[in-house]
PDB file of N, CA and C in Angstrom:
ATOM      1  N   UNK A   1       0.830  -1.183   0.000  1.00  0.00           N
ATOM      2  CA  UNK A   1       0.000   0.000   0.000  1.00  0.00           C
ATOM      3  C   UNK A   1       0.872   1.243   0.000  1.00  0.00           C
ATOM      4  N   UNK A   2       0.362   2.289  -0.589  1.00  0.00           N
ATOM      5  CA  UNK A   2       1.036   3.576  -0.605  1.00  0.00           C
ATOM      6  C   UNK A   2       0.151   4.578   0.119  1.00  0.00           C
ATOM      7  N   UNK A   3       0.760   5.322   1.028  1.00  0.00           N
ATOM      8  CA  UNK A   3       0.020   6.323   1.798  1.00  0.00           C
ATOM      9  C   UNK A   3       0.520   7.706   1.432  1.00  0.00           C
ATOM     10  N   UNK A   4      -0.390   8.634   1.268  1.00  0.00           N
ATOM     11  CA  UNK A   4      -0.015  10.014   0.963  1.00  0.00           C
ATOM     12  C   UNK A   4      -0.251  10.939   2.146  1.00  0.00           C
ATOM     13  N   UNK A   5      -1.015  10.498   3.114  1.00  0.00           N
ATOM     14  CA  UNK A   5      -1.307  11.309   4.297  1.00  0.00           C
ATOM     15  C   UNK A   5      -0.564  10.726   5.499  1.00  0.00           C
ATOM     16  N   UNK A   6       0.058  11.613   6.283  1.00  0.00           N
ATOM     17  CA  UNK A   6       0.821  11.162   7.455  1.00  0.00           C
ATOM     18  C   UNK A   6      -0.062  10.409   8.448  1.00  0.00           C
ATOM     19  N   UNK A   7      -1.273  10.888   8.657  1.00  0.00           N
ATOM     20  CA  UNK A   7      -2.162  10.249   9.624  1.00  0.00           C
ATOM     21  C   UNK A   7      -2.487   8.818   9.198  1.00  0.00           C
ATOM     22  N   UNK A   8      -2.810   8.615   7.916  1.00  0.00           N
ATOM     23  CA  UNK A   8      -3.132   7.271   7.416  1.00  0.00           C
ATOM     24  C   UNK A   8      -1.922   6.345   7.518  1.00  0.00           C
ATOM     25  N   UNK A   9      -0.759   6.864   7.154  1.00  0.00           N
ATOM     26  CA  UNK A   9       0.468   6.063   7.238  1.00  0.00           C
ATOM     27  C   UNK A   9       0.769   5.708   8.688  1.00  0.00           C
ATOM     28  N   UNK A  10       0.564   6.662   9.582  1.00  0.00           N
ATOM     29  CA  UNK A  10       0.802   6.423  11.007  1.00  0.00           C
ATOM     30  C   UNK A  10      -0.137   5.381  11.582  1.00  0.00           C
ATOM     31  N   UNK A  11      -1.398   5.405  11.160  1.00  0.00           N
ATOM     32  CA  UNK A  11      -2.354   4.401  11.638  1.00  0.00           C
ATOM     33  C   UNK A  11      -1.997   3.014  11.112  1.00  0.00           C
ATOM     34  N   UNK A  12      -1.551   2.936   9.849  1.00  0.00           N
ATOM     35  CA  UNK A  12      -1.127   1.653   9.288  1.00  0.00           C
ATOM     36  C   UNK A  12       0.103   1.129  10.024  1.00  0.00           C
ATOM     37  N   UNK A  13       1.018   2.025  10.347  1.00  0.00           N
ATOM     38  CA  UNK A  13       2.210   1.653  11.100  1.00  0.00           C
ATOM     39  C   UNK A  13       1.829   1.103  12.473  1.00  0.00           C
ATOM     40  N   UNK A  14       0.902   1.776  13.123  1.00  0.00           N
ATOM     41  CA  UNK A  14       0.438   1.340  14.444  1.00  0.00           C
ATOM     42  C   UNK A  14      -0.176  -0.061  14.373  1.00  0.00           C
ATOM     43  N   UNK A  15      -0.959  -0.313  13.334  1.00  0.00           N
ATOM     44  CA  UNK A  15      -1.574  -1.635  13.154  1.00  0.00           C
ATOM     45  C   UNK A  15      -0.509  -2.709  12.979  1.00  0.00           C
ATOM     46  N   UNK A  16       0.509  -2.420  12.190  1.00  0.00           N
ATOM     47  CA  UNK A  16       1.597  -3.384  11.982  1.00  0.00           C
ATOM     48  C   UNK A  16       2.294  -3.676  13.304  1.00  0.00           C
ATOM     49  N   UNK A  17       2.591  -2.625  14.051  1.00  0.00           N
ATOM     50  CA  UNK A  17       3.307  -2.794  15.320  1.00  0.00           C
ATOM     51  C   UNK A  17       2.479  -3.590  16.325  1.00  0.00           C
ATOM     52  N   UNK A  18       1.185  -3.296  16.400  1.00  0.00           N
ATOM     53  CA  UNK A  18       0.318  -4.008  17.336  1.00  0.00           C
ATOM     54  C   UNK A  18       0.122  -5.468  16.941  1.00  0.00           C
ATOM     55  N   UNK A  19       0.179  -5.759  15.646  1.00  0.00           N
ATOM     56  CA  UNK A  19      -0.041  -7.132  15.192  1.00  0.00           C
ATOM     57  C   UNK A  19       1.196  -8.012  15.392  1.00  0.00           C
ATOM     58  N   UNK A  20       2.338  -7.388  15.595  1.00  0.00           N
ATOM     59  CA  UNK A  20       3.587  -8.125  15.799  1.00  0.00           C
ATOM     60  C   UNK A  20       4.015  -8.020  17.258  1.00  0.00           C
ATOM     61  N   UNK A  21       3.994  -9.108  17.951  1.00  0.00           N
ATOM     62  CA  UNK A  21       4.426  -9.064  19.350  1.00  0.00           C
ATOM     63  C   UNK A  21       5.857  -9.569  19.507  1.00  0.00           C
ATOM     64  N   UNK A  22       6.460  -9.986  18.411  1.00  0.00           N
ATOM     65  CA  UNK A  22       7.767 -10.629  18.501  1.00  0.00           C
ATOM     66  C   UNK A  22       8.922  -9.779  17.987  1.00  0.00           C
ATOM     67  N   UNK A  23       8.810  -8.452  18.034  1.00  0.00           N
ATOM     68  CA  UNK A  23       9.936  -7.622  17.623  1.00  0.00           C
ATOM     69  C   UNK A  23      11.093  -7.862  18.574  1.00  0.00           C
ATOM     70  N   UNK A  24      12.289  -7.860  18.028  1.00  0.00           N
ATOM     71  CA  UNK A  24      13.482  -8.147  18.812  1.00  0.00           C
ATOM     72  C   UNK A  24      14.474  -7.003  18.681  1.00  0.00           C
ATOM     73  N   UNK A  25      15.620  -7.189  19.320  1.00  0.00           N
ATOM     74  CA  UNK A  25      16.691  -6.195  19.269  1.00  0.00           C
ATOM     75  C   UNK A  25      17.171  -5.989  17.829  1.00  0.00           C
ATOM     76  N   UNK A  26      17.153  -7.040  17.038  1.00  0.00           N
ATOM     77  CA  UNK A  26      17.522  -6.930  15.633  1.00  0.00           C
ATOM     78  C   UNK A  26      16.390  -6.238  14.882  1.00  0.00           C
ATOM     79  N   UNK A  27      16.682  -5.201  14.113  1.00  0.00           N
ATOM     80  CA  UNK A  27      15.620  -4.485  13.404  1.00  0.00           C
ATOM     81  C   UNK A  27      14.820  -5.387  12.460  1.00  0.00           C
ATOM     82  N   UNK A  28      13.501  -5.215  12.462  1.00  0.00           N
ATOM     83  CA  UNK A  28      12.599  -5.937  11.557  1.00  0.00           C
ATOM     84  C   UNK A  28      12.092  -4.947  10.514  1.00  0.00           C
ATOM     85  N   UNK A  29      12.290  -5.261   9.252  1.00  0.00           N
ATOM     86  CA  UNK A  29      11.847  -4.394   8.163  1.00  0.00           C
ATOM     87  C   UNK A  29      10.328  -4.507   8.036  1.00  0.00           C
ATOM     88  N   UNK A  30       9.655  -3.351   8.018  1.00  0.00           N
ATOM     89  CA  UNK A  30       8.188  -3.368   7.950  1.00  0.00           C
ATOM     90  C   UNK A  30       7.637  -2.559   6.778  1.00  0.00           C
ATOM     91  N   UNK A  31       8.502  -1.907   6.003  1.00  0.00           N
ATOM     92  CA  UNK A  31       8.027  -1.133   4.864  1.00  0.00           C
ATOM     93  C   UNK A  31       9.147  -0.348   4.218  1.00  0.00           C
ATOM     94  N   UNK A  32       8.769   0.578   3.353  1.00  0.00           N
ATOM     95  CA  UNK A  32       9.742   1.427   2.665  1.00  0.00           C
ATOM     96  C   UNK A  32       9.253   2.871   2.660  1.00  0.00           C
ATOM     97  N   UNK A  33      10.207   3.796   2.677  1.00  0.00           N
ATOM     98  CA  UNK A  33       9.911   5.222   2.555  1.00  0.00           C
ATOM     99  C   UNK A  33      11.031   5.856   1.744  1.00  0.00           C
ATOM    100  N   UNK A  34      10.689   6.421   0.603  1.00  0.00           N
ATOM    101  CA  UNK A  34      11.649   7.076  -0.287  1.00  0.00           C
ATOM    102  C   UNK A  34      12.847   6.181  -0.584  1.00  0.00           C
ATOM    103  N   UNK A  35      12.589   4.915  -0.823  1.00  0.00           N
ATOM    104  CA  UNK A  35      13.645   3.973  -1.181  1.00  0.00           C
ATOM    105  C   UNK A  35      14.423   3.396  -0.008  1.00  0.00           C
ATOM    106  N   UNK A  36      14.138   3.832   1.196  1.00  0.00           N
ATOM    107  CA  UNK A  36      14.814   3.316   2.382  1.00  0.00           C
ATOM    108  C   UNK A  36      13.894   2.351   3.112  1.00  0.00           C
ATOM    109  N   UNK A  37      14.474   1.337   3.735  1.00  0.00           N
ATOM    110  CA  UNK A  37      13.671   0.398   4.518  1.00  0.00           C
ATOM    111  C   UNK A  37      13.240   1.044   5.826  1.00  0.00           C
ATOM    112  N   UNK A  38      11.982   0.850   6.180  1.00  0.00           N
ATOM    113  CA  UNK A  38      11.483   1.263   7.491  1.00  0.00           C
ATOM    114  C   UNK A  38      11.624   0.049   8.399  1.00  0.00           C
ATOM    115  N   UNK A  39      12.193   0.248   9.568  1.00  0.00           N
ATOM    116  CA  UNK A  39      12.332  -0.883  10.484  1.00  0.00           C
ATOM    117  C   UNK A  39      11.848  -0.501  11.874  1.00  0.00           C
ATOM    118  N   UNK A  40      11.583  -1.530  12.636  1.00  0.00           N
ATOM    119  CA  UNK A  40      11.252  -1.348  14.048  1.00  0.00           C
ATOM    120  C   UNK A  40      12.074  -2.355  14.837  1.00  0.00           C
ATOM    121  N   UNK A  41      12.463  -1.953  16.011  1.00  0.00           N
ATOM    122  CA  UNK A  41      13.164  -2.878  16.905  1.00  0.00           C
ATOM    123  C   UNK A  41      12.741  -2.593  18.329  1.00  0.00           C
ATOM    124  N   UNK A  42      12.887  -3.588  19.169  1.00  0.00           N
ATOM    125  CA  UNK A  42      12.514  -3.461  20.576  1.00  0.00           C
ATOM    126  C   UNK A  42      13.735  -3.819  21.412  1.00  0.00           C
ATOM    127  N   UNK A  43      14.011  -3.002  22.428  1.00  0.00           N
ATOM    128  CA  UNK A  43      15.156  -3.260  23.293  1.00  0.00           C
ATOM    129  C   UNK A  43      14.785  -4.299  24.359  1.00  0.00           C
ATOM    130  N   UNK A  44      15.774  -4.725  25.098  1.00  0.00           N
ATOM    131  CA  UNK A  44      15.518  -5.674  26.187  1.00  0.00           C
ATOM    132  C   UNK A  44      14.646  -5.053  27.277  1.00  0.00           C
ATOM    133  N   UNK A  45      14.549  -3.716  27.266  1.00  0.00           N
ATOM    134  CA  UNK A  45      13.715  -3.013  28.243  1.00  0.00           C
ATOM    135  C   UNK A  45      12.322  -2.723  27.692  1.00  0.00           C
ATOM    136  N   UNK A  46      11.988  -3.342  26.550  1.00  0.00           N
ATOM    137  CA  UNK A  46      10.677  -3.208  25.891  1.00  0.00           C
ATOM    138  C   UNK A  46      10.458  -1.834  25.260  1.00  0.00           C
ATOM    139  N   UNK A  47      11.522  -1.041  25.093  1.00  0.00           N
ATOM    140  CA  UNK A  47      11.406   0.239  24.401  1.00  0.00           C
ATOM    141  C   UNK A  47      11.414  -0.037  22.901  1.00  0.00           C
ATOM    142  N   UNK A  48      10.535   0.647  22.175  1.00  0.00           N
ATOM    143  CA  UNK A  48      10.450   0.435  20.728  1.00  0.00           C
ATOM    144  C   UNK A  48      11.030   1.633  19.988  1.00  0.00           C
ATOM    145  N   UNK A  49      11.739   1.318  18.918  1.00  0.00           N
ATOM    146  CA  UNK A  49      12.341   2.331  18.070  1.00  0.00           C
ATOM    147  C   UNK A  49      11.927   2.081  16.639  1.00  0.00           C
ATOM    148  N   UNK A  50      11.758   3.165  15.889  1.00  0.00           N
ATOM    149  CA  UNK A  50      11.449   3.088  14.470  1.00  0.00           C
ATOM    150  C   UNK A  50      12.554   3.828  13.747  1.00  0.00           C
ATOM    151  N   UNK A  51      12.890   3.345  12.563  1.00  0.00           N
ATOM    152  CA  UNK A  51      13.970   4.006  11.850  1.00  0.00           C
ATOM    153  C   UNK A  51      13.991   3.694  10.378  1.00  0.00           C
ATOM    154  N   UNK A  52      14.994   4.253   9.733  1.00  0.00           N
ATOM    155  CA  UNK A  52      15.207   4.056   8.308  1.00  0.00           C
ATOM    156  C   UNK A  52      16.574   3.438   8.102  1.00  0.00           C
ATOM    157  N   UNK A  53      16.636   2.528   7.139  1.00  0.00           N
ATOM    158  CA  UNK A  53      17.897   1.853   6.829  1.00  0.00           C
ATOM    159  C   UNK A  53      18.227   2.073   5.365  1.00  0.00           C
ATOM    160  N   UNK A  54      19.395   2.625   5.154  1.00  0.00           N
ATOM    161  CA  UNK A  54      19.976   2.744   3.821  1.00  0.00           C
ATOM    162  C   UNK A  54      21.319   2.059   3.934  1.00  0.00           C
ATOM    163  N   UNK A  55      22.382   2.817   3.723  1.00  0.00           N
ATOM    164  CA  UNK A  55      23.707   2.273   3.986  1.00  0.00           C
ATOM    165  C   UNK A  55      23.998   2.289   5.482  1.00  0.00           C
ATOM    166  N   UNK A  56      23.258   3.116   6.217  1.00  0.00           N
ATOM    167  CA  UNK A  56      23.346   3.203   7.671  1.00  0.00           C
ATOM    168  C   UNK A  56      21.948   3.162   8.246  1.00  0.00           C
ATOM    169  N   UNK A  57      21.850   2.918   9.545  1.00  0.00           N
ATOM    170  CA  UNK A  57      20.563   2.944  10.234  1.00  0.00           C
ATOM    171  C   UNK A  57      20.435   4.234  11.020  1.00  0.00           C
ATOM    172  N   UNK A  58      19.247   4.833  10.951  1.00  0.00           N
ATOM    173  CA  UNK A  58      18.927   6.005  11.756  1.00  0.00           C
ATOM    174  C   UNK A  58      17.594   5.728  12.414  1.00  0.00           C
ATOM    175  N   UNK A  59      17.545   5.845  13.738  1.00  0.00           N
ATOM    176  CA  UNK A  59      16.319   5.500  14.443  1.00  0.00           C
ATOM    177  C   UNK A  59      15.954   6.549  15.469  1.00  0.00           C
ATOM    178  N   UNK A  60      14.669   6.526  15.819  1.00  0.00           N
ATOM    179  CA  UNK A  60      14.124   7.434  16.822  1.00  0.00           C
ATOM    180  C   UNK A  60      13.167   6.626  17.692  1.00  0.00           C
ATOM    181  N   UNK A  61      12.938   7.078  18.930  1.00  0.00           N
ATOM    182  CA  UNK A  61      11.979   6.356  19.779  1.00  0.00           C
ATOM    183  C   UNK A  61      10.577   6.390  19.177  1.00  0.00           C
ATOM    184  N   UNK A  62       9.862   5.292  19.293  1.00  0.00           N
ATOM    185  CA  UNK A  62       8.483   5.218  18.820  1.00  0.00           C
ATOM    186  C   UNK A  62       7.619   6.064  19.733  1.00  0.00           C
ATOM    187  N   UNK A  63       6.797   6.939  19.146  1.00  0.00           N
ATOM    188  CA  UNK A  63       5.918   7.817  19.914  1.00  0.00           C
ATOM    189  C   UNK A  63       4.513   7.227  19.979  1.00  0.00           C
ATOM    190  N   UNK A  64       3.699   7.800  20.825  1.00  0.00           N
ATOM    191  CA  UNK A  64       2.305   7.385  20.927  1.00  0.00           C
ATOM    192  C   UNK A  64       1.512   7.922  19.736  1.00  0.00           C
ATOM    193  N   UNK A  65       1.861   9.096  19.268  1.00  0.00           N
ATOM    194  CA  UNK A  65       1.151   9.754  18.170  1.00  0.00           C
ATOM    195  C   UNK A  65       1.418   9.054  16.838  1.00  0.00           C
ATOM    196  N   UNK A  66       0.351   8.639  16.161  1.00  0.00           N
ATOM    197  CA  UNK A  66       0.502   7.992  14.857  1.00  0.00           C
ATOM    198  C   UNK A  66       1.190   8.926  13.864  1.00  0.00           C
ATOM    199  N   UNK A  67       0.704  10.135  13.779  1.00  0.00           N
ATOM    200  CA  UNK A  67       1.250  11.122  12.850  1.00  0.00           C
ATOM    201  C   UNK A  67       2.684  11.493  13.241  1.00  0.00           C
ATOM    202  N   UNK A  68       2.946  11.557  14.546  1.00  0.00           N
ATOM    203  CA  UNK A  68       4.282  11.912  15.032  1.00  0.00           C
ATOM    204  C   UNK A  68       5.351  10.928  14.608  1.00  0.00           C
ATOM    205  N   UNK A  69       5.004   9.649  14.565  1.00  0.00           N
ATOM    206  CA  UNK A  69       5.977   8.634  14.135  1.00  0.00           C
ATOM    207  C   UNK A  69       6.379   8.847  12.686  1.00  0.00           C
ATOM    208  N   UNK A  70       5.412   9.155  11.842  1.00  0.00           N
ATOM    209  CA  UNK A  70       5.711   9.396  10.434  1.00  0.00           C
ATOM    210  C   UNK A  70       6.522  10.683  10.285  1.00  0.00           C
ATOM    211  N   UNK A  71       6.168  11.707  11.046  1.00  0.00           N
ATOM    212  CA  UNK A  71       6.903  12.972  10.976  1.00  0.00           C
ATOM    213  C   UNK A  71       8.362  12.784  11.377  1.00  0.00           C
ATOM    214  N   UNK A  72       8.615  11.884  12.312  1.00  0.00           N
ATOM    215  CA  UNK A  72      10.001  11.605  12.711  1.00  0.00           C
ATOM    216  C   UNK A  72      10.783  10.996  11.553  1.00  0.00           C
ATOM    217  N   UNK A  73      10.150  10.083  10.808  1.00  0.00           N
ATOM    218  CA  UNK A  73      10.821   9.478   9.659  1.00  0.00           C
ATOM    219  C   UNK A  73      11.101  10.518   8.577  1.00  0.00           C
ATOM    220  N   UNK A  74      10.146  11.407   8.359  1.00  0.00           N
ATOM    221  CA  UNK A  74      10.318  12.475   7.372  1.00  0.00           C
ATOM    222  C   UNK A  74      11.494  13.367   7.773  1.00  0.00           C
ATOM    223  N   UNK A  75      11.614  13.671   9.057  1.00  0.00           N
ATOM    224  CA  UNK A  75      12.715  14.522   9.537  1.00  0.00           C
ATOM    225  C   UNK A  75      14.069  13.868   9.307  1.00  0.00           C
ATOM    226  N   UNK A  76      14.128  12.545   9.437  1.00  0.00           N
ATOM    227  CA  UNK A  76      15.394  11.847   9.175  1.00  0.00           C
ATOM    228  C   UNK A  76      15.814  12.098   7.737  1.00  0.00           C
ATOM    229  N   UNK A  77      14.897  11.913   6.804  1.00  0.00           N
ATOM    230  CA  UNK A  77      15.205  12.110   5.380  1.00  0.00           C
ATOM    231  C   UNK A  77      15.489  13.571   5.080  1.00  0.00           C
ATOM    232  N   UNK A  78      14.698  14.477   5.623  1.00  0.00           N
ATOM    233  CA  UNK A  78      14.913  15.908   5.388  1.00  0.00           C
ATOM    234  C   UNK A  78      16.264  16.363   5.931  1.00  0.00           C
ATOM    235  N   UNK A  79      16.713  15.745   7.007  1.00  0.00           N
ATOM    236  CA  UNK A  79      18.019  16.087   7.575  1.00  0.00           C
ATOM    237  C   UNK A  79      19.156  15.768   6.624  1.00  0.00           C
ATOM    238  N   UNK A  80      18.987  14.707   5.833  1.00  0.00           N
ATOM    239  CA  UNK A  80      20.004  14.356   4.851  1.00  0.00           C
ATOM    240  C   UNK A  80      20.189  15.448   3.812  1.00  0.00           C
ATOM    241  N   UNK A  81      19.078  16.001   3.303  1.00  0.00           N
ATOM    242  CA  UNK A  81      19.211  17.014   2.257  1.00  0.00           C
ATOM    243  C   UNK A  81      19.932  18.238   2.801  1.00  0.00           C
ATOM    244  N   UNK A  82      19.683  18.590   4.049  1.00  0.00           N
ATOM    245  CA  UNK A  82      20.396  19.715   4.654  1.00  0.00           C
ATOM    246  C   UNK A  82      21.886  19.442   4.770  1.00  0.00           C
ATOM    247  N   UNK A  83      22.227  18.222   5.152  1.00  0.00           N
ATOM    248  CA  UNK A  83      23.634  17.855   5.253  1.00  0.00           C
ATOM    249  C   UNK A  83      24.296  17.824   3.889  1.00  0.00           C
ATOM    250  N   UNK A  84      23.574  17.327   2.886  1.00  0.00           N
ATOM    251  CA  UNK A  84      24.121  17.265   1.537  1.00  0.00           C
ATOM    252  C   UNK A  84      24.382  18.674   1.012  1.00  0.00           C
ATOM    253  N   UNK A  85      23.466  19.602   1.270  1.00  0.00           N
ATOM    254  CA  UNK A  85      23.660  20.979   0.826  1.00  0.00           C
ATOM    255  C   UNK A  85      24.825  21.651   1.550  1.00  0.00           C
ATOM    256  N   UNK A  86      25.037  21.299   2.808  1.00  0.00           N
ATOM    257  CA  UNK A  86      26.067  21.924   3.625  1.00  0.00           C
ATOM    258  C   UNK A  86      27.458  21.347   3.346  1.00  0.00           C
ATOM    259  N   UNK A  87      27.535  20.104   2.940  1.00  0.00           N
ATOM    260  CA  UNK A  87      28.807  19.410   2.797  1.00  0.00           C
ATOM    261  C   UNK A  87      29.784  20.099   1.834  1.00  0.00           C
ATOM    262  N   UNK A  88      29.340  20.532   0.630  1.00  0.00           N
ATOM    263  CA  UNK A  88      30.303  21.228  -0.248  1.00  0.00           C
ATOM    264  C   UNK A  88      30.888  22.490   0.392  1.00  0.00           C
ATOM    265  N   UNK A  89      30.081  23.215   1.158  1.00  0.00           N
ATOM    266  CA  UNK A  89      30.599  24.394   1.843  1.00  0.00           C
ATOM    267  C   UNK A  89      31.652  24.012   2.881  1.00  0.00           C
ATOM    268  N   UNK A  90      31.400  22.934   3.568  1.00  0.00           N
ATOM    269  CA  UNK A  90      32.347  22.466   4.571  1.00  0.00           C
ATOM    270  C   UNK A  90      33.665  22.044   3.916  1.00  0.00           C
ATOM    271  N   UNK A  91      33.577  21.343   2.793  1.00  0.00           N
ATOM    272  CA  UNK A  91      34.786  20.946   2.069  1.00  0.00           C
ATOM    273  C   UNK A  91      35.566  22.169   1.585  1.00  0.00           C
ATOM    274  N   UNK A  92      34.852  23.158   1.079  1.00  0.00           N
ATOM    275  CA  UNK A  92      35.497  24.385   0.626  1.00  0.00           C
ATOM    276  C   UNK A  92      36.222  25.061   1.791  1.00  0.00           C
ATOM    277  N   UNK A  93      35.560  25.137   2.931  1.00  0.00           N
ATOM    278  CA  UNK A  93      36.161  25.739   4.129  1.00  0.00           C
ATOM    279  C   UNK A  93      37.455  25.024   4.504  1.00  0.00           C
ATOM    280  N   UNK A  94      37.399  23.698   4.545  1.00  0.00           N
ATOM    281  CA  UNK A  94      38.594  22.937   4.925  1.00  0.00           C
ATOM    282  C   UNK A  94      39.699  23.055   3.892  1.00  0.00           C
ATOM    283  N   UNK A  95      39.334  23.153   2.619  1.00  0.00           N
ATOM    284  CA  UNK A  95      40.371  23.296   1.593  1.00  0.00           C
ATOM    285  C   UNK A  95      41.094  24.630   1.750  1.00  0.00           C
ATOM    286  N   UNK A  96      40.340  25.687   2.108  1.00  0.00           N
ATOM    287  CA  UNK A  96      40.961  26.988   2.347  1.00  0.00           C
ATOM    288  C   UNK A  96      41.858  26.919   3.576  1.00  0.00           C
ATOM    289  N   UNK A  97      41.377  26.315   4.647  1.00  0.00           N
ATOM    290  CA  UNK A  97      42.174  26.178   5.880  1.00  0.00           C
ATOM    291  C   UNK A  97      43.452  25.397   5.582  1.00  0.00           C
ATOM    292  N   UNK A  98      43.333  24.367   4.778  1.00  0.00           N
ATOM    293  CA  UNK A  98      44.489  23.534   4.449  1.00  0.00           C
ATOM    294  C   UNK A  98      45.499  24.329   3.620  1.00  0.00           C
ATOM    295  N   UNK A  99      45.020  25.100   2.641  1.00  0.00           N
ATOM    296  CA  UNK A  99      45.924  25.870   1.802  1.00  0.00           C
ATOM    297  C   UNK A  99      46.611  26.977   2.602  1.00  0.00           C
ATOM    298  N   UNK A 100      45.909  27.579   3.542  1.00  0.00           N
ATOM    299  CA  UNK A 100      46.524  28.604   4.409  1.00  0.00           C
ATOM    300  C   UNK A 100      47.612  27.968   5.257  1.00  0.00           C
ATOM    301  N   UNK A 101      47.354  26.780   5.748  1.00  0.00           N
ATOM    302  CA  UNK A 101      48.345  26.084   6.572  1.00  0.00           C
ATOM    303  C   UNK A 101      49.579  25.753   5.754  1.00  0.00           C
ATOM    304  N   UNK A 102      49.419  25.356   4.490  1.00  0.00           N
ATOM    305  CA  UNK A 102      50.562  25.040   3.633  1.00  0.00           C
ATOM    306  C   UNK A 102      51.415  26.260   3.333  1.00  0.00           C
ATOM    307  N   UNK A 103      50.803  27.425   3.215  1.00  0.00           N
ATOM    308  CA  UNK A 103      51.508  28.658   2.904  1.00  0.00           C
ATOM    309  C   UNK A 103      52.314  29.125   4.106  1.00  0.00           C
ATOM    310  N   UNK A 104      51.754  28.958   5.295  1.00  0.00           N
ATOM    311  CA  UNK A 104      52.455  29.414   6.499  1.00  0.00           C
ATOM    312  C   UNK A 104      53.681  28.587   6.673  1.00  0.00           C
TER     313      UNK A 104
END
């Protein structure tokens, strides 16, 4: 299924989580968002986390709010675009610092 509304996606997520009582410390893939796997895991203390898996895993605590859980996943992805936009500036800064150091 494809969801376009955060509330609907959050309710579907809640249904999946409630139907599975056997989540473990190892992340369980439960869907996809923008090409990344959505996973859930439960700690030994019964705390649940939801996250996205690409080349790395990024997770956040599972909230009570259906819509809030989806918004957390969106923030993970949105954070990447900000980092991607910032990275060339950071490289430029370091290249200048490096060249100044070589001249001194």
